[in-house]
Amino acid sequence: QVQLVESGGGLVQPGGSLRLSCAASGSGTIIYGMGWYRQAPGKQRELVATITGGMSTNYADSVKGRFTISRDNAKNTVYLQMNSLKPEDTAVYYCNADIWSPPGWRKDYWGQGTQVTVSS
């Protein structure tokens, strides 16, 4: 079985910081690209940041300079450090991972989401 378990969401004031974590479980898996997406009420899910197996990163324009995506391959975990948070960052954040697993399938997996609320 492959599962993505998210943590780190919560309520924070504007200008504050949060760090999201997403750990992939499952034996014998290989994780390729990983990323974070978010969905605000009444909005479509949008890309926040991605990171490749080679550690190349990509960010949405709205979060550049404020968010940092990173990964720890030994822990099969992707992180999203969110600084200088704004009310418009409020959304459910979902992690995503491109994973190969036995007996030979490679596909995207999604976490169940973690709520981030930025409000004074």
Protein backbone atom coordinates (compact mmCIF):
# COMPACT_ATOMS: atom_id res chain seq x y z
CA GLN A 1 0.00 0.00 0.00
CA VAL A 2 1.08 3.57 -0.69
CA GLN A 3 -0.22 6.42 1.42
CA LEU A 4 0.68 10.08 1.79
CA VAL A 5 0.24 11.40 5.32
CA GLU A 6 0.13 15.17 5.74
CA SER A 7 0.70 17.24 8.84
CA GLY A 8 1.49 20.80 9.90
CA GLY A 9 -1.62 22.72 8.95
CA GLY A 10 -3.36 25.09 11.29
CA LEU A 11 -4.38 28.64 12.05
CA VAL A 12 -1.81 31.40 11.77
CA GLN A 13 -1.87 35.20 11.73
CA PRO A 14 -0.92 37.15 8.60
CA GLY A 15 2.84 37.35 8.36
CA GLY A 16 3.28 34.14 10.27
CA SER A 17 4.80 30.84 9.23
CA LEU A 18 3.83 27.20 8.96
CA ARG A 19 5.69 24.12 7.85
CA LEU A 20 3.78 21.36 6.13
CA SER A 21 5.07 17.82 5.93
CA CYS A 22 3.97 14.91 3.79
CA ALA A 23 5.41 11.45 4.30
CA ALA A 24 4.95 8.62 1.84
CA SER A 25 4.57 5.15 3.23
CA GLY A 26 4.90 1.83 1.48
CA SER A 27 7.60 -0.76 1.08
CA GLY A 28 9.70 -1.03 -2.01
CA THR A 29 8.58 2.27 -3.50
CA ILE A 30 10.51 4.79 -5.56
CA ILE A 31 9.41 8.41 -5.39
CA TYR A 32 10.00 10.68 -8.34
CA GLY A 33 8.45 14.15 -8.44
CA MET A 34 6.64 15.55 -5.41
CA GLY A 35 4.60 18.66 -4.93
CA TRP A 36 2.05 20.72 -3.09
CA TYR A 37 -1.30 21.94 -4.36
CA ARG A 38 -4.02 23.92 -2.67
CA GLN A 39 -7.72 24.49 -3.04
CA ALA A 40 -9.59 27.44 -1.59
CA PRO A 41 -13.39 27.46 -1.18
CA GLY A 42 -15.06 27.93 -4.55
CA LYS A 43 -11.76 27.63 -6.39
CA GLN A 44 -10.10 24.92 -8.42
CA ARG A 45 -7.08 23.13 -7.07
CA GLU A 46 -3.91 24.96 -8.05
CA LEU A 47 -0.24 24.14 -8.07
CA VAL A 48 1.80 25.68 -5.27
CA ALA A 49 5.23 24.11 -5.68
CA THR A 50 6.91 21.04 -7.10
CA ILE A 51 10.27 19.39 -6.63
CA THR A 52 11.85 16.76 -8.84
CA GLY A 53 14.01 13.84 -7.84
CA GLY A 54 16.97 15.94 -8.92
CA MET A 55 15.87 18.70 -6.51
CA SER A 56 14.76 21.15 -9.19
CA THR A 57 11.92 23.31 -7.88
CA ASN A 58 9.03 25.21 -9.36
CA TYR A 59 6.71 27.68 -7.64
CA ALA A 60 3.49 29.44 -8.38
CA ASP A 61 4.07 33.15 -8.87
CA SER A 62 1.86 33.92 -5.90
CA VAL A 63 4.18 32.15 -3.46
CA LYS A 64 7.62 32.85 -4.90
CA GLY A 65 9.96 34.28 -2.32
CA ARG A 66 7.70 33.21 0.53
CA PHE A 67 7.37 29.43 0.26
CA THR A 68 10.13 26.84 0.01
CA ILE A 69 9.63 23.24 -1.02
CA SER A 70 12.16 20.62 0.00
CA ARG A 71 12.41 16.88 0.36
CA ASP A 72 14.19 14.31 2.46
CA ASN A 73 14.57 11.22 0.34
CA ALA A 74 15.74 9.09 3.26
CA LYS A 75 12.41 9.80 4.96
CA ASN A 76 10.30 9.81 1.79
CA THR A 77 9.02 13.18 2.92
CA VAL A 78 8.30 16.47 1.20
CA TYR A 79 8.04 19.75 3.10
CA LEU A 80 6.57 23.14 2.41
CA GLN A 81 7.93 25.98 4.50
CA MET A 82 5.47 28.84 4.30
CA ASN A 83 6.60 32.27 5.45
CA SER A 84 4.99 35.69 5.30
CA LEU A 85 1.60 34.07 5.05
CA LYS A 86 -1.29 36.07 3.65
CA PRO A 87 -5.05 35.60 4.05
CA GLU A 88 -5.22 34.57 0.40
CA ASP A 89 -3.02 31.58 1.24
CA THR A 90 -5.97 30.12 3.15
CA ALA A 91 -6.84 26.78 1.56
CA VAL A 92 -6.69 23.06 1.95
CA TYR A 93 -3.19 21.99 0.99
CA TYR A 94 -2.64 18.65 -0.70
CA CYS A 95 0.62 16.87 -1.24
CA ASN A 96 1.26 14.88 -4.37
CA ALA A 97 3.86 12.32 -5.32
CA ASP A 98 4.75 10.39 -8.44
CA ILE A 99 5.53 6.94 -7.11
CA TRP A 100 6.57 3.59 -8.51
CA SER A 101 5.47 0.64 -6.43
CA PRO A 102 5.53 -3.13 -6.76
CA PRO A 103 4.71 -5.03 -8.86
CA GLY A 104 5.53 -2.29 -11.35
CA TRP A 105 3.05 0.58 -11.44
CA ARG A 106 4.01 4.24 -11.43
CA LYS A 107 1.32 6.83 -10.79
CA ASP A 108 0.38 9.94 -8.85
CA TYR A 109 -0.77 9.69 -5.26
CA TRP A 110 -2.50 12.37 -3.23
CA GLY A 111 -2.68 13.18 0.44
CA GLN A 112 -6.04 13.86 2.02
CA GLY A 113 -5.29 17.52 2.61
CA THR A 114 -4.48 19.73 5.56
CA GLN A 115 -6.23 23.01 6.32
CA VAL A 116 -4.20 26.21 6.41
CA THR A 117 -6.04 29.27 7.66
CA VAL A 118 -4.41 32.69 7.69
CA SER A 119 -6.48 35.14 9.68
CA SER A 120 -6.09 37.85 12.28
